[in-house]
Amino acid sequence: MAWVGRYEDIVAGREGQYRVRLMDNQNAWDCAYPGVEVLPDGTIVATTYGHWMPDAPPYIVSVRLRLEQLDARLK
């Protein structure tokens, strides 16, 4: 899950702009602890592990996204 908002939203306990499900873990546990990096061009890279396919062992996935892409999907 990615949360998009401003620092002021966090401080005030507000929901922010939106949340995005990046992938769907197929197990009730054993996922997350993601590493998140913002690259110099603004690309966000999130890397984590989880059970991404039913009845399969967990594996590591990296997701790359840009806020402009997410914002465009809201329109």
PDB file of N, CA and C in Angstrom:
ATOM      1  N   MET A   1       0.853  -1.166   0.000  1.00  0.00           N
ATOM      2  CA  MET A   1       0.000   0.000   0.000  1.00  0.00           C
ATOM      3  C   MET A   1       0.896   1.224   0.000  1.00  0.00           C
ATOM      4  N   ALA A   2       0.580   2.170  -0.836  1.00  0.00           N
ATOM      5  CA  ALA A   2       1.293   3.449  -0.855  1.00  0.00           C
ATOM      6  C   ALA A   2       0.331   4.538  -0.414  1.00  0.00           C
ATOM      7  N   TRP A   3       0.793   5.399   0.462  1.00  0.00           N
ATOM      8  CA  TRP A   3       0.012   6.528   0.946  1.00  0.00           C
ATOM      9  C   TRP A   3       0.565   7.781   0.305  1.00  0.00           C
ATOM     10  N   VAL A   4      -0.302   8.625  -0.221  1.00  0.00           N
ATOM     11  CA  VAL A   4       0.116   9.883  -0.839  1.00  0.00           C
ATOM     12  C   VAL A   4      -0.560  11.018  -0.091  1.00  0.00           C
ATOM     13  N   GLY A   5       0.237  11.905   0.413  1.00  0.00           N
ATOM     14  CA  GLY A   5      -0.284  13.046   1.144  1.00  0.00           C
ATOM     15  C   GLY A   5       0.854  13.958   1.546  1.00  0.00           C
ATOM     16  N   ARG A   6       0.559  14.880   2.434  1.00  0.00           N
ATOM     17  CA  ARG A   6       1.555  15.836   2.897  1.00  0.00           C
ATOM     18  C   ARG A   6       1.895  15.563   4.349  1.00  0.00           C
ATOM     19  N   TYR A   7       3.034  16.035   4.764  1.00  0.00           N
ATOM     20  CA  TYR A   7       3.457  15.873   6.152  1.00  0.00           C
ATOM     21  C   TYR A   7       2.398  16.427   7.102  1.00  0.00           C
ATOM     22  N   GLU A   8       1.807  17.552   6.716  1.00  0.00           N
ATOM     23  CA  GLU A   8       0.772  18.168   7.557  1.00  0.00           C
ATOM     24  C   GLU A   8      -0.420  17.234   7.744  1.00  0.00           C
ATOM     25  N   ASP A   9      -0.706  16.395   6.743  1.00  0.00           N
ATOM     26  CA  ASP A   9      -1.788  15.416   6.872  1.00  0.00           C
ATOM     27  C   ASP A   9      -1.471  14.409   7.977  1.00  0.00           C
ATOM     28  N   ILE A  10      -0.233  13.966   8.003  1.00  0.00           N
ATOM     29  CA  ILE A  10       0.170  13.004   9.037  1.00  0.00           C
ATOM     30  C   ILE A  10       0.045  13.627  10.415  1.00  0.00           C
ATOM     31  N   VAL A  11       0.577  14.825  10.579  1.00  0.00           N
ATOM     32  CA  VAL A  11       0.554  15.506  11.869  1.00  0.00           C
ATOM     33  C   VAL A  11      -0.878  15.724  12.352  1.00  0.00           C
ATOM     34  N   ALA A  12      -1.778  16.070  11.425  1.00  0.00           N
ATOM     35  CA  ALA A  12      -3.166  16.362  11.789  1.00  0.00           C
ATOM     36  C   ALA A  12      -4.047  15.114  11.820  1.00  0.00           C
ATOM     37  N   GLY A  13      -3.478  13.939  11.485  1.00  0.00           N
ATOM     38  CA  GLY A  13      -4.274  12.709  11.492  1.00  0.00           C
ATOM     39  C   GLY A  13      -5.249  12.606  10.342  1.00  0.00           C
ATOM     40  N   ARG A  14      -4.981  13.338   9.252  1.00  0.00           N
ATOM     41  CA  ARG A  14      -5.866  13.285   8.087  1.00  0.00           C
ATOM     42  C   ARG A  14      -5.467  12.143   7.161  1.00  0.00           C
ATOM     43  N   GLU A  15      -6.381  11.767   6.284  1.00  0.00           N
ATOM     44  CA  GLU A  15      -6.159  10.636   5.380  1.00  0.00           C
ATOM     45  C   GLU A  15      -5.168  10.922   4.266  1.00  0.00           C
ATOM     46  N   GLY A  16      -4.913  12.162   3.944  1.00  0.00           N
ATOM     47  CA  GLY A  16      -4.042  12.485   2.823  1.00  0.00           C
ATOM     48  C   GLY A  16      -4.829  12.504   1.527  1.00  0.00           C
ATOM     49  N   GLN A  17      -4.112  12.516   0.396  1.00  0.00           N
ATOM     50  CA  GLN A  17      -4.784  12.579  -0.906  1.00  0.00           C
ATOM     51  C   GLN A  17      -5.409  11.250  -1.281  1.00  0.00           C
ATOM     52  N   TYR A  18      -4.620  10.186  -1.239  1.00  0.00           N
ATOM     53  CA  TYR A  18      -5.143   8.868  -1.600  1.00  0.00           C
ATOM     54  C   TYR A  18      -4.177   7.770  -1.189  1.00  0.00           C
ATOM     55  N   ARG A  19      -4.669   6.554  -1.242  1.00  0.00           N
ATOM     56  CA  ARG A  19      -3.863   5.356  -1.010  1.00  0.00           C
ATOM     57  C   ARG A  19      -3.971   4.465  -2.233  1.00  0.00           C
ATOM     58  N   VAL A  20      -2.904   3.742  -2.523  1.00  0.00           N
ATOM     59  CA  VAL A  20      -2.854   2.889  -3.708  1.00  0.00           C
ATOM     60  C   VAL A  20      -2.370   1.498  -3.296  1.00  0.00           C
ATOM     61  N   ARG A  21      -3.112   0.492  -3.683  1.00  0.00           N
ATOM     62  CA  ARG A  21      -2.647  -0.877  -3.461  1.00  0.00           C
ATOM     63  C   ARG A  21      -1.692  -1.223  -4.587  1.00  0.00           C
ATOM     64  N   LEU A  22      -0.449  -1.468  -4.243  1.00  0.00           N
ATOM     65  CA  LEU A  22       0.574  -1.753  -5.246  1.00  0.00           C
ATOM     66  C   LEU A  22       0.526  -3.206  -5.697  1.00  0.00           C
ATOM     67  N   MET A  23       0.310  -4.099  -4.763  1.00  0.00           N
ATOM     68  CA  MET A  23       0.188  -5.527  -5.073  1.00  0.00           C
ATOM     69  C   MET A  23      -0.720  -6.144  -4.024  1.00  0.00           C
ATOM     70  N   ASP A  24      -1.159  -7.366  -4.250  1.00  0.00           N
ATOM     71  CA  ASP A  24      -2.082  -8.041  -3.343  1.00  0.00           C
ATOM     72  C   ASP A  24      -1.412  -9.283  -2.776  1.00  0.00           C
ATOM     73  N   ASN A  25      -1.000  -9.211  -1.511  1.00  0.00           N
ATOM     74  CA  ASN A  25      -0.391 -10.364  -0.852  1.00  0.00           C
ATOM     75  C   ASN A  25      -1.453 -11.449  -0.664  1.00  0.00           C
ATOM     76  N   GLN A  26      -1.146 -12.653  -1.046  1.00  0.00           N
ATOM     77  CA  GLN A  26      -2.103 -13.757  -1.002  1.00  0.00           C
ATOM     78  C   GLN A  26      -2.042 -14.553   0.303  1.00  0.00           C
ATOM     79  N   ASN A  27      -1.303 -14.057   1.275  1.00  0.00           N
ATOM     80  CA  ASN A  27      -1.162 -14.731   2.560  1.00  0.00           C
ATOM     81  C   ASN A  27      -1.519 -13.715   3.643  1.00  0.00           C
ATOM     82  N   ALA A  28      -2.100 -14.180   4.730  1.00  0.00           N
ATOM     83  CA  ALA A  28      -2.516 -13.266   5.795  1.00  0.00           C
ATOM     84  C   ALA A  28      -1.329 -12.709   6.587  1.00  0.00           C
ATOM     85  N   TRP A  29      -0.145 -13.224   6.376  1.00  0.00           N
ATOM     86  CA  TRP A  29       1.033 -12.781   7.098  1.00  0.00           C
ATOM     87  C   TRP A  29       2.254 -12.932   6.186  1.00  0.00           C
ATOM     88  N   ASP A  30       3.396 -12.642   6.706  1.00  0.00           N
ATOM     89  CA  ASP A  30       4.664 -12.834   5.998  1.00  0.00           C
ATOM     90  C   ASP A  30       4.777 -11.964   4.753  1.00  0.00           C
ATOM     91  N   CYS A  31       4.712 -10.664   4.970  1.00  0.00           N
ATOM     92  CA  CYS A  31       4.964  -9.724   3.870  1.00  0.00           C
ATOM     93  C   CYS A  31       5.404  -8.402   4.475  1.00  0.00           C
ATOM     94  N   ALA A  32       5.754  -7.487   3.634  1.00  0.00           N
ATOM     95  CA  ALA A  32       6.034  -6.098   3.985  1.00  0.00           C
ATOM     96  C   ALA A  32       7.485  -5.858   4.363  1.00  0.00           C
ATOM     97  N   TYR A  33       7.730  -4.952   5.294  1.00  0.00           N
ATOM     98  CA  TYR A  33       9.048  -4.405   5.595  1.00  0.00           C
ATOM     99  C   TYR A  33       9.696  -3.861   4.326  1.00  0.00           C
ATOM    100  N   PRO A  34       8.988  -2.990   3.597  1.00  0.00           N
ATOM    101  CA  PRO A  34       9.516  -2.527   2.310  1.00  0.00           C
ATOM    102  C   PRO A  34      10.633  -1.505   2.477  1.00  0.00           C
ATOM    103  N   GLY A  35      11.497  -1.517   1.512  1.00  0.00           N
ATOM    104  CA  GLY A  35      12.448  -0.431   1.353  1.00  0.00           C
ATOM    105  C   GLY A  35      11.863   0.512   0.316  1.00  0.00           C
ATOM    106  N   VAL A  36      11.902   1.812   0.575  1.00  0.00           N
ATOM    107  CA  VAL A  36      11.347   2.793  -0.356  1.00  0.00           C
ATOM    108  C   VAL A  36      12.424   3.832  -0.643  1.00  0.00           C
ATOM    109  N   GLU A  37      12.605   4.126  -1.907  1.00  0.00           N
ATOM    110  CA  GLU A  37      13.614   5.095  -2.325  1.00  0.00           C
ATOM    111  C   GLU A  37      13.002   6.026  -3.365  1.00  0.00           C
ATOM    112  N   VAL A  38      13.330   7.298  -3.278  1.00  0.00           N
ATOM    113  CA  VAL A  38      12.931   8.263  -4.310  1.00  0.00           C
ATOM    114  C   VAL A  38      14.190   8.574  -5.118  1.00  0.00           C
ATOM    115  N   LEU A  39      14.143   8.250  -6.399  1.00  0.00           N
ATOM    116  CA  LEU A  39      15.286   8.469  -7.280  1.00  0.00           C
ATOM    117  C   LEU A  39      15.386   9.945  -7.665  1.00  0.00           C
ATOM    118  N   PRO A  40      16.545  10.387  -8.156  1.00  0.00           N
ATOM    119  CA  PRO A  40      16.720  11.805  -8.506  1.00  0.00           C
ATOM    120  C   PRO A  40      15.684  12.335  -9.497  1.00  0.00           C
ATOM    121  N   ASP A  41      15.145  11.475 -10.361  1.00  0.00           N
ATOM    122  CA  ASP A  41      14.139  11.936 -11.332  1.00  0.00           C
ATOM    123  C   ASP A  41      12.720  11.913 -10.768  1.00  0.00           C
ATOM    124  N   GLY A  42      12.561  11.592  -9.476  1.00  0.00           N
ATOM    125  CA  GLY A  42      11.248  11.566  -8.842  1.00  0.00           C
ATOM    126  C   GLY A  42      10.571  10.214  -8.849  1.00  0.00           C
ATOM    127  N   THR A  43      11.162   9.231  -9.515  1.00  0.00           N
ATOM    128  CA  THR A  43      10.602   7.877  -9.514  1.00  0.00           C
ATOM    129  C   THR A  43      10.694   7.289  -8.114  1.00  0.00           C
ATOM    130  N   ILE A  44       9.613   6.686  -7.662  1.00  0.00           N
ATOM    131  CA  ILE A  44       9.574   6.019  -6.364  1.00  0.00           C
ATOM    132  C   ILE A  44       9.746   4.527  -6.607  1.00  0.00           C
ATOM    133  N   VAL A  45      10.667   3.913  -5.859  1.00  0.00           N
ATOM    134  CA  VAL A  45      10.909   2.478  -5.970  1.00  0.00           C
ATOM    135  C   VAL A  45      10.620   1.855  -4.603  1.00  0.00           C
ATOM    136  N   ALA A  46       9.690   0.903  -4.569  1.00  0.00           N
ATOM    137  CA  ALA A  46       9.374   0.164  -3.345  1.00  0.00           C
ATOM    138  C   ALA A  46       9.726  -1.299  -3.581  1.00  0.00           C
ATOM    139  N   THR A  47      10.506  -1.876  -2.672  1.00  0.00           N
ATOM    140  CA  THR A  47      10.931  -3.271  -2.791  1.00  0.00           C
ATOM    141  C   THR A  47      10.507  -4.008  -1.533  1.00  0.00           C
ATOM    142  N   THR A  48       9.845  -5.155  -1.709  1.00  0.00           N
ATOM    143  CA  THR A  48       9.387  -5.935  -0.571  1.00  0.00           C
ATOM    144  C   THR A  48       9.211  -7.387  -0.990  1.00  0.00           C
ATOM    145  N   TYR A  49       8.886  -8.213  -0.027  1.00  0.00           N
ATOM    146  CA  TYR A  49       8.611  -9.615  -0.341  1.00  0.00           C
ATOM    147  C   TYR A  49       7.188  -9.940   0.096  1.00  0.00           C
ATOM    148  N   GLY A  50       6.645 -10.988  -0.472  1.00  0.00           N
ATOM    149  CA  GLY A  50       5.313 -11.425  -0.095  1.00  0.00           C
ATOM    150  C   GLY A  50       4.903 -12.631  -0.909  1.00  0.00           C
ATOM    151  N   HIS A  51       3.722 -13.107  -0.642  1.00  0.00           N
ATOM    152  CA  HIS A  51       3.132 -14.244  -1.361  1.00  0.00           C
ATOM    153  C   HIS A  51       2.247 -13.651  -2.457  1.00  0.00           C
ATOM    154  N   TRP A  52       2.809 -13.398  -3.614  1.00  0.00           N
ATOM    155  CA  TRP A  52       2.116 -12.669  -4.666  1.00  0.00           C
ATOM    156  C   TRP A  52       1.275 -13.570  -5.553  1.00  0.00           C
ATOM    157  N   MET A  53       1.462 -14.876  -5.441  1.00  0.00           N
ATOM    158  CA  MET A  53       0.640 -15.825  -6.188  1.00  0.00           C
ATOM    159  C   MET A  53       0.108 -16.857  -5.198  1.00  0.00           C
ATOM    160  N   PRO A  54      -1.164 -17.245  -5.314  1.00  0.00           N
ATOM    161  CA  PRO A  54      -1.739 -18.213  -4.379  1.00  0.00           C
ATOM    162  C   PRO A  54      -0.920 -19.508  -4.359  1.00  0.00           C
ATOM    163  N   ASP A  55      -0.710 -20.020  -3.157  1.00  0.00           N
ATOM    164  CA  ASP A  55      -0.031 -21.303  -2.935  1.00  0.00           C
ATOM    165  C   ASP A  55       1.400 -21.337  -3.466  1.00  0.00           C
ATOM    166  N   ALA A  56       2.011 -20.184  -3.657  1.00  0.00           N
ATOM    167  CA  ALA A  56       3.403 -20.129  -4.102  1.00  0.00           C
ATOM    168  C   ALA A  56       4.263 -19.600  -2.961  1.00  0.00           C
ATOM    169  N   PRO A  57       5.537 -19.952  -2.941  1.00  0.00           N
ATOM    170  CA  PRO A  57       6.406 -19.396  -1.903  1.00  0.00           C
ATOM    171  C   PRO A  57       6.581 -17.889  -2.111  1.00  0.00           C
ATOM    172  N   PRO A  58       6.953 -17.170  -1.062  1.00  0.00           N
ATOM    173  CA  PRO A  58       7.125 -15.728  -1.202  1.00  0.00           C
ATOM    174  C   PRO A  58       8.326 -15.402  -2.082  1.00  0.00           C
ATOM    175  N   TYR A  59       8.260 -14.234  -2.704  1.00  0.00           N
ATOM    176  CA  TYR A  59       9.398 -13.763  -3.472  1.00  0.00           C
ATOM    177  C   TYR A  59       9.448 -12.241  -3.421  1.00  0.00           C
ATOM    178  N   ILE A  60      10.557 -11.682  -3.837  1.00  0.00           N
ATOM    179  CA  ILE A  60      10.810 -10.245  -3.760  1.00  0.00           C
ATOM    180  C   ILE A  60      10.353  -9.562  -5.044  1.00  0.00           C
ATOM    181  N   VAL A  61       9.736  -8.398  -4.868  1.00  0.00           N
ATOM    182  CA  VAL A  61       9.251  -7.610  -5.999  1.00  0.00           C
ATOM    183  C   VAL A  61       9.639  -6.147  -5.771  1.00  0.00           C
ATOM    184  N   SER A  62      10.017  -5.479  -6.842  1.00  0.00           N
ATOM    185  CA  SER A  62      10.215  -4.027  -6.816  1.00  0.00           C
ATOM    186  C   SER A  62       9.171  -3.388  -7.716  1.00  0.00           C
ATOM    187  N   VAL A  63       8.559  -2.323  -7.227  1.00  0.00           N
ATOM    188  CA  VAL A  63       7.565  -1.581  -7.986  1.00  0.00           C
ATOM    189  C   VAL A  63       8.093  -0.162  -8.170  1.00  0.00           C
ATOM    190  N   ARG A  64       8.046   0.312  -9.397  1.00  0.00           N
ATOM    191  CA  ARG A  64       8.475   1.683  -9.712  1.00  0.00           C
ATOM    192  C   ARG A  64       7.249   2.475 -10.124  1.00  0.00           C
ATOM    193  N   LEU A  65       7.119   3.689  -9.598  1.00  0.00           N
ATOM    194  CA  LEU A  65       5.992   4.527  -9.967  1.00  0.00           C
ATOM    195  C   LEU A  65       6.376   5.986  -9.838  1.00  0.00           C
ATOM    196  N   ARG A  66       5.568   6.812 -10.463  1.00  0.00           N
ATOM    197  CA  ARG A  66       5.744   8.260 -10.379  1.00  0.00           C
ATOM    198  C   ARG A  66       4.403   8.859  -9.961  1.00  0.00           C
ATOM    199  N   LEU A  67       4.457   9.884  -9.131  1.00  0.00           N
ATOM    200  CA  LEU A  67       3.218  10.505  -8.666  1.00  0.00           C
ATOM    201  C   LEU A  67       2.387  11.041  -9.823  1.00  0.00           C
ATOM    202  N   GLU A  68       3.040  11.507 -10.878  1.00  0.00           N
ATOM    203  CA  GLU A  68       2.296  12.012 -12.032  1.00  0.00           C
ATOM    204  C   GLU A  68       1.431  10.912 -12.651  1.00  0.00           C
ATOM    205  N   GLN A  69       1.946   9.693 -12.679  1.00  0.00           N
ATOM    206  CA  GLN A  69       1.183   8.557 -13.224  1.00  0.00           C
ATOM    207  C   GLN A  69      -0.029   8.266 -12.339  1.00  0.00           C
ATOM    208  N   LEU A  70       0.167   8.273 -11.037  1.00  0.00           N
ATOM    209  CA  LEU A  70      -0.945   7.996 -10.125  1.00  0.00           C
ATOM    210  C   LEU A  70      -1.983   9.106 -10.207  1.00  0.00           C
ATOM    211  N   ASP A  71      -1.538  10.351 -10.186  1.00  0.00           N
ATOM    212  CA  ASP A  71      -2.470  11.481 -10.279  1.00  0.00           C
ATOM    213  C   ASP A  71      -3.304  11.410 -11.555  1.00  0.00           C
ATOM    214  N   ALA A  72      -2.683  11.014 -12.664  1.00  0.00           N
ATOM    215  CA  ALA A  72      -3.398  10.936 -13.952  1.00  0.00           C
ATOM    216  C   ALA A  72      -4.499   9.885 -13.910  1.00  0.00           C
ATOM    217  N   ARG A  73      -4.322   8.841 -13.138  1.00  0.00           N
ATOM    218  CA  ARG A  73      -5.344   7.791 -13.048  1.00  0.00           C
ATOM    219  C   ARG A  73      -6.572   8.243 -12.270  1.00  0.00           C
ATOM    220  N   LEU A  74      -6.424   9.272 -11.466  1.00  0.00           N
ATOM    221  CA  LEU A  74      -7.560   9.791 -10.697  1.00  0.00           C
ATOM    222  C   LEU A  74      -8.512  10.602 -11.546  1.00  0.00           C
ATOM    223  N   LYS A  75      -8.044  11.094 -12.669  1.00  0.00           N
ATOM    224  CA  LYS A  75      -8.858  11.963 -13.513  1.00  0.00           C
ATOM    225  C   LYS A  75      -9.796  11.176 -14.392  1.00  0.00           C
TER     226      LYS A  75
END
